[in-house]
């Protein structure tokens, strides 16, 4: 159950990160938009690292942490 919650949070952050790109696409200026984009980039890096770890765990045949 805990793993599914983290995956759902990661999925929501990915979608929000896509929306964080739109101010640049629309040409909006502002420091807050840059901050949001840097935050989204950091979140995506963390999500990438976590998902790589889960894929390695599945590849070793032990399943995600806490399940096997």
C-alpha atoms as a PDB file:
ATOM      1  CA  UNK A   1       0.000   0.000   0.000  1.00  0.00           C
ATOM      2  CA  UNK A   2       2.819   2.394   0.884  1.00  0.00           C
ATOM      3  CA  UNK A   3       4.596   1.791  -2.436  1.00  0.00           C
ATOM      4  CA  UNK A   4       1.413   2.550  -4.384  1.00  0.00           C
ATOM      5  CA  UNK A   5       1.002   5.834  -2.505  1.00  0.00           C
ATOM      6  CA  UNK A   6       4.545   6.902  -3.379  1.00  0.00           C
ATOM      7  CA  UNK A   7       4.026   5.968  -7.030  1.00  0.00           C
ATOM      8  CA  UNK A   8       0.810   8.010  -7.114  1.00  0.00           C
ATOM      9  CA  UNK A   9       2.592  11.015  -5.607  1.00  0.00           C
ATOM     10  CA  UNK A  10       5.381  10.609  -8.163  1.00  0.00           C
ATOM     11  CA  UNK A  11       2.858  10.485 -11.005  1.00  0.00           C
ATOM     12  CA  UNK A  12       1.174  13.662  -9.786  1.00  0.00           C
ATOM     13  CA  UNK A  13       4.549  15.424  -9.528  1.00  0.00           C
ATOM     14  CA  UNK A  14       5.390  14.385 -13.099  1.00  0.00           C
ATOM     15  CA  UNK A  15       2.141  15.902 -14.367  1.00  0.00           C
ATOM     16  CA  UNK A  16       2.720  19.094 -12.369  1.00  0.00           C
ATOM     17  CA  UNK A  17       6.245  19.286 -13.780  1.00  0.00           C
ATOM     18  CA  UNK A  18       4.829  19.249 -17.294  1.00  0.00           C
ATOM     19  CA  UNK A  19       2.560  22.162 -16.392  1.00  0.00           C
ATOM     20  CA  UNK A  20       5.572  23.997 -14.933  1.00  0.00           C
ATOM     21  CA  UNK A  21       7.000  24.275 -18.458  1.00  0.00           C
ATOM     22  CA  UNK A  22       4.074  26.257 -19.830  1.00  0.00           C
ATOM     23  CA  UNK A  23       5.062  29.705 -18.518  1.00  0.00           C
ATOM     24  CA  UNK A  24       8.240  29.446 -20.607  1.00  0.00           C
ATOM     25  CA  UNK A  25       6.323  28.222 -23.648  1.00  0.00           C
ATOM     26  CA  UNK A  26       3.898  31.130 -23.305  1.00  0.00           C
ATOM     27  CA  UNK A  27       6.716  33.623 -22.786  1.00  0.00           C
ATOM     28  CA  UNK A  28       5.734  34.655 -19.276  1.00  0.00           C
ATOM     29  CA  UNK A  29       8.528  36.315 -17.313  1.00  0.00           C
ATOM     30  CA  UNK A  30       9.040  36.108 -13.581  1.00  0.00           C
ATOM     31  CA  UNK A  31      11.290  34.730 -10.906  1.00  0.00           C
ATOM     32  CA  UNK A  32       8.516  32.580  -9.452  1.00  0.00           C
ATOM     33  CA  UNK A  33       8.247  30.649 -12.717  1.00  0.00           C
ATOM     34  CA  UNK A  34      11.995  29.937 -12.679  1.00  0.00           C
ATOM     35  CA  UNK A  35      11.743  28.737  -9.084  1.00  0.00           C
ATOM     36  CA  UNK A  36       8.845  26.438  -9.977  1.00  0.00           C
ATOM     37  CA  UNK A  37      10.801  25.030 -12.915  1.00  0.00           C
ATOM     38  CA  UNK A  38      13.891  24.348 -10.789  1.00  0.00           C
ATOM     39  CA  UNK A  39      11.726  22.687  -8.152  1.00  0.00           C
ATOM     40  CA  UNK A  40      10.046  20.551 -10.835  1.00  0.00           C
ATOM     41  CA  UNK A  41      13.437  19.591 -12.263  1.00  0.00           C
ATOM     42  CA  UNK A  42      14.678  18.521  -8.831  1.00  0.00           C
ATOM     43  CA  UNK A  43      11.512  16.508  -8.245  1.00  0.00           C
ATOM     44  CA  UNK A  44      11.938  14.760 -11.598  1.00  0.00           C
ATOM     45  CA  UNK A  45      15.548  13.852 -10.809  1.00  0.00           C
ATOM     46  CA  UNK A  46      14.497  12.359  -7.467  1.00  0.00           C
ATOM     47  CA  UNK A  47      11.650  10.432  -9.112  1.00  0.00           C
ATOM     48  CA  UNK A  48      14.045   9.142 -11.787  1.00  0.00           C
ATOM     49  CA  UNK A  49      16.509   7.879  -9.176  1.00  0.00           C
ATOM     50  CA  UNK A  50      13.753   6.198  -7.127  1.00  0.00           C
ATOM     51  CA  UNK A  51      12.269   4.477 -10.168  1.00  0.00           C
ATOM     52  CA  UNK A  52      15.664   3.229 -11.318  1.00  0.00           C
ATOM     53  CA  UNK A  53      16.100   1.697  -7.860  1.00  0.00           C
ATOM     54  CA  UNK A  54      12.727  -0.021  -8.099  1.00  0.00           C
ATOM     55  CA  UNK A  55      13.538  -1.360 -11.565  1.00  0.00           C
ATOM     56  CA  UNK A  56      16.846  -2.763 -10.306  1.00  0.00           C
ATOM     57  CA  UNK A  57      15.040  -4.432  -7.400  1.00  0.00           C
ATOM     58  CA  UNK A  58      12.558  -6.033  -9.766  1.00  0.00           C
ATOM     59  CA  UNK A  59      15.406  -7.119 -12.037  1.00  0.00           C
ATOM     60  CA  UNK A  60      17.074  -8.878  -9.110  1.00  0.00           C
ATOM     61  CA  UNK A  61      13.805 -10.703  -8.511  1.00  0.00           C
ATOM     62  CA  UNK A  62      13.284  -9.474  -4.969  1.00  0.00           C
ATOM     63  CA  UNK A  63      10.481  -7.008  -5.745  1.00  0.00           C
ATOM     64  CA  UNK A  64      10.288  -3.470  -4.396  1.00  0.00           C
ATOM     65  CA  UNK A  65      11.718  -2.712  -0.969  1.00  0.00           C
ATOM     66  CA  UNK A  66       9.592  -4.021   1.840  1.00  0.00           C
ATOM     67  CA  UNK A  67       7.867  -6.699  -0.225  1.00  0.00           C
ATOM     68  CA  UNK A  68      10.351  -9.422  -0.500  1.00  0.00           C
END
